[in-house]
Amino acid sequence: RAVSPLPNLWIRDSAGRWHATGHYAPRPLGDDGEVTLSLAIVPPLEADTSWIDVVAIGQSAQVRVRLPVRWTWNP
């Protein structure tokens, strides 16, 4: 289901540094309400980041999830 406005998203990296997000646009993934997000993370993550906590803060609730980070190189 669509959420408007989108919640504020913050990132905490495996070194304990906080990052802001912006310029994200949700894209539907299917008919079940799932979406994908492309995020601009400021400042950018360091190359040795092994996981991130994504914190979503809405008007009446907060959600936190820890995600592994896998780095790939696409020149």
Protein backbone atom coordinates (compact mmCIF):
# COMPACT_ATOMS: atom_id res chain seq x y z
CA ARG A 1 0.00 0.00 0.00
CA ALA A 2 1.21 3.48 -0.69
CA VAL A 3 2.62 5.46 2.22
CA SER A 4 2.56 9.21 1.94
CA PRO A 5 4.62 10.94 3.01
CA LEU A 6 7.41 8.41 2.97
CA PRO A 7 9.12 7.93 6.35
CA ASN A 8 12.49 9.49 7.12
CA LEU A 9 15.23 6.90 6.51
CA TRP A 10 18.55 6.96 8.38
CA ILE A 11 21.52 4.60 8.00
CA ARG A 12 23.98 3.59 10.74
CA ASP A 13 27.00 1.71 9.38
CA SER A 14 29.08 -1.07 10.96
CA ALA A 15 31.56 1.54 12.26
CA GLY A 16 28.79 3.41 14.11
CA ARG A 17 28.62 6.40 11.74
CA TRP A 18 25.21 7.88 10.86
CA HIS A 19 24.17 8.75 7.30
CA ALA A 20 21.19 10.63 5.91
CA THR A 21 19.22 9.47 2.89
CA GLY A 22 17.53 11.44 0.19
CA HIS A 23 16.32 11.45 -3.37
CA TYR A 24 14.63 8.11 -3.11
CA ALA A 25 11.73 7.03 -5.24
CA PRO A 26 9.78 3.87 -4.45
CA ARG A 27 9.11 1.50 -7.33
CA PRO A 28 6.42 -1.20 -7.09
CA LEU A 29 7.86 -4.72 -7.00
CA GLY A 30 4.61 -6.57 -7.55
CA ASP A 31 0.91 -6.53 -6.73
CA ASP A 32 1.39 -7.34 -3.05
CA GLY A 33 2.47 -3.85 -1.98
CA GLU A 34 6.24 -4.45 -1.92
CA VAL A 35 8.49 -1.69 -3.25
CA THR A 36 12.18 -1.20 -4.00
CA LEU A 37 14.06 1.97 -3.13
CA SER A 38 17.14 3.55 -4.66
CA LEU A 39 18.77 5.70 -1.99
CA ALA A 40 21.29 8.50 -2.07
CA ILE A 41 23.33 8.02 1.13
CA VAL A 42 25.17 11.06 2.50
CA PRO A 43 28.01 10.82 3.31
CA PRO A 44 28.66 7.74 1.17
CA LEU A 45 29.38 4.41 2.87
CA GLU A 46 33.03 3.40 3.26
CA ALA A 47 34.16 0.38 1.22
CA ASP A 48 34.80 -1.68 4.38
CA THR A 49 31.19 -1.38 5.62
CA SER A 50 29.94 -4.91 6.38
CA TRP A 51 26.38 -4.11 7.51
CA ILE A 52 23.97 -1.22 7.90
CA ASP A 53 21.05 -0.51 10.19
CA VAL A 54 18.21 1.14 8.29
CA VAL A 55 15.98 3.19 10.57
CA ALA A 56 12.58 4.33 9.27
CA ILE A 57 10.86 6.98 11.37
CA GLY A 58 7.20 7.74 10.70
CA GLN A 59 4.57 9.86 12.41
CA SER A 60 3.65 7.23 15.01
CA ALA A 61 6.24 4.45 14.82
CA GLN A 62 9.89 3.59 14.21
CA VAL A 63 11.34 0.48 12.55
CA ARG A 64 14.97 -0.68 12.50
CA VAL A 65 16.45 -3.51 10.44
CA ARG A 66 20.07 -4.70 10.10
CA LEU A 67 21.12 -5.59 6.56
CA PRO A 68 24.36 -7.16 5.33
CA VAL A 69 26.31 -5.15 2.73
CA ARG A 70 27.87 -6.93 -0.22
CA TRP A 71 30.16 -4.87 -2.40
CA THR A 72 30.40 -5.49 -6.14
CA TRP A 73 32.46 -3.66 -8.69
CA ASN A 74 30.89 -2.64 -12.00
CA PRO A 75 33.36 -0.44 -13.90
